[in-house]
C-alpha atoms as a PDB file:
ATOM      1  CA  MET A   1      -0.092  -0.065   0.152  1.00  0.00           C
ATOM      2  CA  SER A   2       0.947   3.742  -0.585  1.00  0.00           C
ATOM      3  CA  GLN A   3       1.485   6.119   2.131  1.00  0.00           C
ATOM      4  CA  GLN A   4      -1.261   8.010   0.194  1.00  0.00           C
ATOM      5  CA  GLN A   5      -3.672   4.790   0.479  1.00  0.00           C
ATOM      6  CA  ILE A   6      -3.046   4.579   4.122  1.00  0.00           C
ATOM      7  CA  THR A   7      -3.514   8.420   4.973  1.00  0.00           C
ATOM      8  CA  THR A   8      -6.742   8.215   3.213  1.00  0.00           C
ATOM      9  CA  GLN A   9      -7.627   5.232   4.676  1.00  0.00           C
ATOM     10  CA  ASP A  10      -6.678   6.605   8.254  1.00  0.00           C
ATOM     11  CA  SER A  11      -8.871   9.629   7.773  1.00  0.00           C
ATOM     12  CA  THR A  12     -11.810   7.621   6.547  1.00  0.00           C
ATOM     13  CA  ASN A  13     -11.920   5.877   9.867  1.00  0.00           C
ATOM     14  CA  SER A  14     -11.195   8.603  12.126  1.00  0.00           C
ATOM     15  CA  ASN A  15     -14.398  10.231   9.987  1.00  0.00           C
ATOM     16  CA  GLN A  16     -16.387   7.364  10.974  1.00  0.00           C
ATOM     17  CA  ALA A  17     -15.316   7.424  14.784  1.00  0.00           C
ATOM     18  CA  GLU A  18     -16.119  10.981  14.644  1.00  0.00           C
ATOM     19  CA  MET A  19     -19.443  10.841  13.108  1.00  0.00           C
ATOM     20  CA  SER A  20     -20.261   7.492  15.343  1.00  0.00           C
ATOM     21  CA  ALA A  21     -19.456   9.587  18.673  1.00  0.00           C
ATOM     22  CA  LEU A  22     -21.788  12.938  17.134  1.00  0.00           C
ATOM     23  CA  LEU A  23     -24.804  10.507  16.651  1.00  0.00           C
ATOM     24  CA  LEU A  24     -24.268   9.079  20.004  1.00  0.00           C
ATOM     25  CA  GLY A  25     -24.061  12.408  21.812  1.00  0.00           C
ATOM     26  CA  ALA A  26     -26.947  13.777  19.776  1.00  0.00           C
ATOM     27  CA  GLY A  27     -29.016  10.103  20.749  1.00  0.00           C
ATOM     28  CA  PHE A  28     -28.095  10.877  24.498  1.00  0.00           C
ATOM     29  CA  ALA A  29     -28.965  14.692  24.459  1.00  0.00           C
ATOM     30  CA  LEU A  30     -32.594  13.637  22.660  1.00  0.00           C
ATOM     31  CA  ALA A  31     -33.198  11.054  25.426  1.00  0.00           C
ATOM     32  CA  SER A  32     -32.175  13.313  28.216  1.00  0.00           C
ATOM     33  CA  LEU A  33     -34.170  16.780  26.968  1.00  0.00           C
ATOM     34  CA  ILE A  34     -37.299  14.988  25.412  1.00  0.00           C
ATOM     35  CA  LEU A  35     -37.760  11.230  25.792  1.00  0.00           C
ATOM     36  CA  LEU A  36     -36.689  10.896  29.757  1.00  0.00           C
ATOM     37  CA  PRO A  37     -39.505  13.846  31.222  1.00  0.00           C
ATOM     38  CA  ALA A  38     -42.040  12.445  29.052  1.00  0.00           C
ATOM     39  CA  VAL A  39     -42.080   9.004  30.064  1.00  0.00           C
ATOM     40  CA  ALA A  40     -40.908  10.112  33.618  1.00  0.00           C
ATOM     41  CA  GLN A  41     -44.525  12.298  33.237  1.00  0.00           C
ATOM     42  CA  ARG A  42     -46.001   9.483  31.844  1.00  0.00           C
ATOM     43  CA  ILE A  43     -45.325   6.909  34.618  1.00  0.00           C
ATOM     44  CA  GLY A  44     -45.411   9.590  37.538  1.00  0.00           C
ATOM     45  CA  MET A  45     -41.844   9.789  38.268  1.00  0.00           C
ATOM     46  CA  GLY A  46     -40.952  12.509  40.677  1.00  0.00           C
ATOM     47  CA  SER A  47     -39.084  15.406  39.500  1.00  0.00           C
ATOM     48  CA  SER A  48     -35.785  15.189  41.618  1.00  0.00           C
ATOM     49  CA  LEU A  49     -35.056  11.786  40.290  1.00  0.00           C
ATOM     50  CA  THR A  50     -36.470  13.098  36.487  1.00  0.00           C
ATOM     51  CA  ILE A  51     -33.545  15.695  36.909  1.00  0.00           C
ATOM     52  CA  ALA A  52     -30.983  13.338  38.139  1.00  0.00           C
ATOM     53  CA  LEU A  53     -31.558  10.514  35.222  1.00  0.00           C
ATOM     54  CA  ARG A  54     -31.126  13.597  33.004  1.00  0.00           C
ATOM     55  CA  GLY A  55     -27.960  15.057  34.388  1.00  0.00           C
ATOM     56  CA  ALA A  56     -26.564  10.949  34.236  1.00  0.00           C
ATOM     57  CA  LEU A  57     -27.570  10.927  30.390  1.00  0.00           C
ATOM     58  CA  MET A  58     -26.106  14.406  29.824  1.00  0.00           C
ATOM     59  CA  ARG A  59     -22.805  13.438  31.536  1.00  0.00           C
ATOM     60  CA  ALA A  60     -22.700  10.152  29.660  1.00  0.00           C
ATOM     61  CA  ALA A  61     -23.468  11.994  26.307  1.00  0.00           C
ATOM     62  CA  ASN A  62     -20.714  14.480  27.100  1.00  0.00           C
ATOM     63  CA  ARG A  63     -17.996  11.660  27.266  1.00  0.00           C
ATOM     64  CA  PHE A  64     -18.367  10.800  23.616  1.00  0.00           C
END
């Protein structure tokens, strides 16, 4: 393999990893801001527990 092919392949792998991380982070954000409060309200979960779960999801989203 030539050096240019290796560089292009590394760049493609890096872009795919960045896109995966972005999508995962966006999914966590969507879950914590929209889905979690809706489900919590539906099942009657307390607001303090909902806020704690939202914080945990946002911290998880920030790691990726």
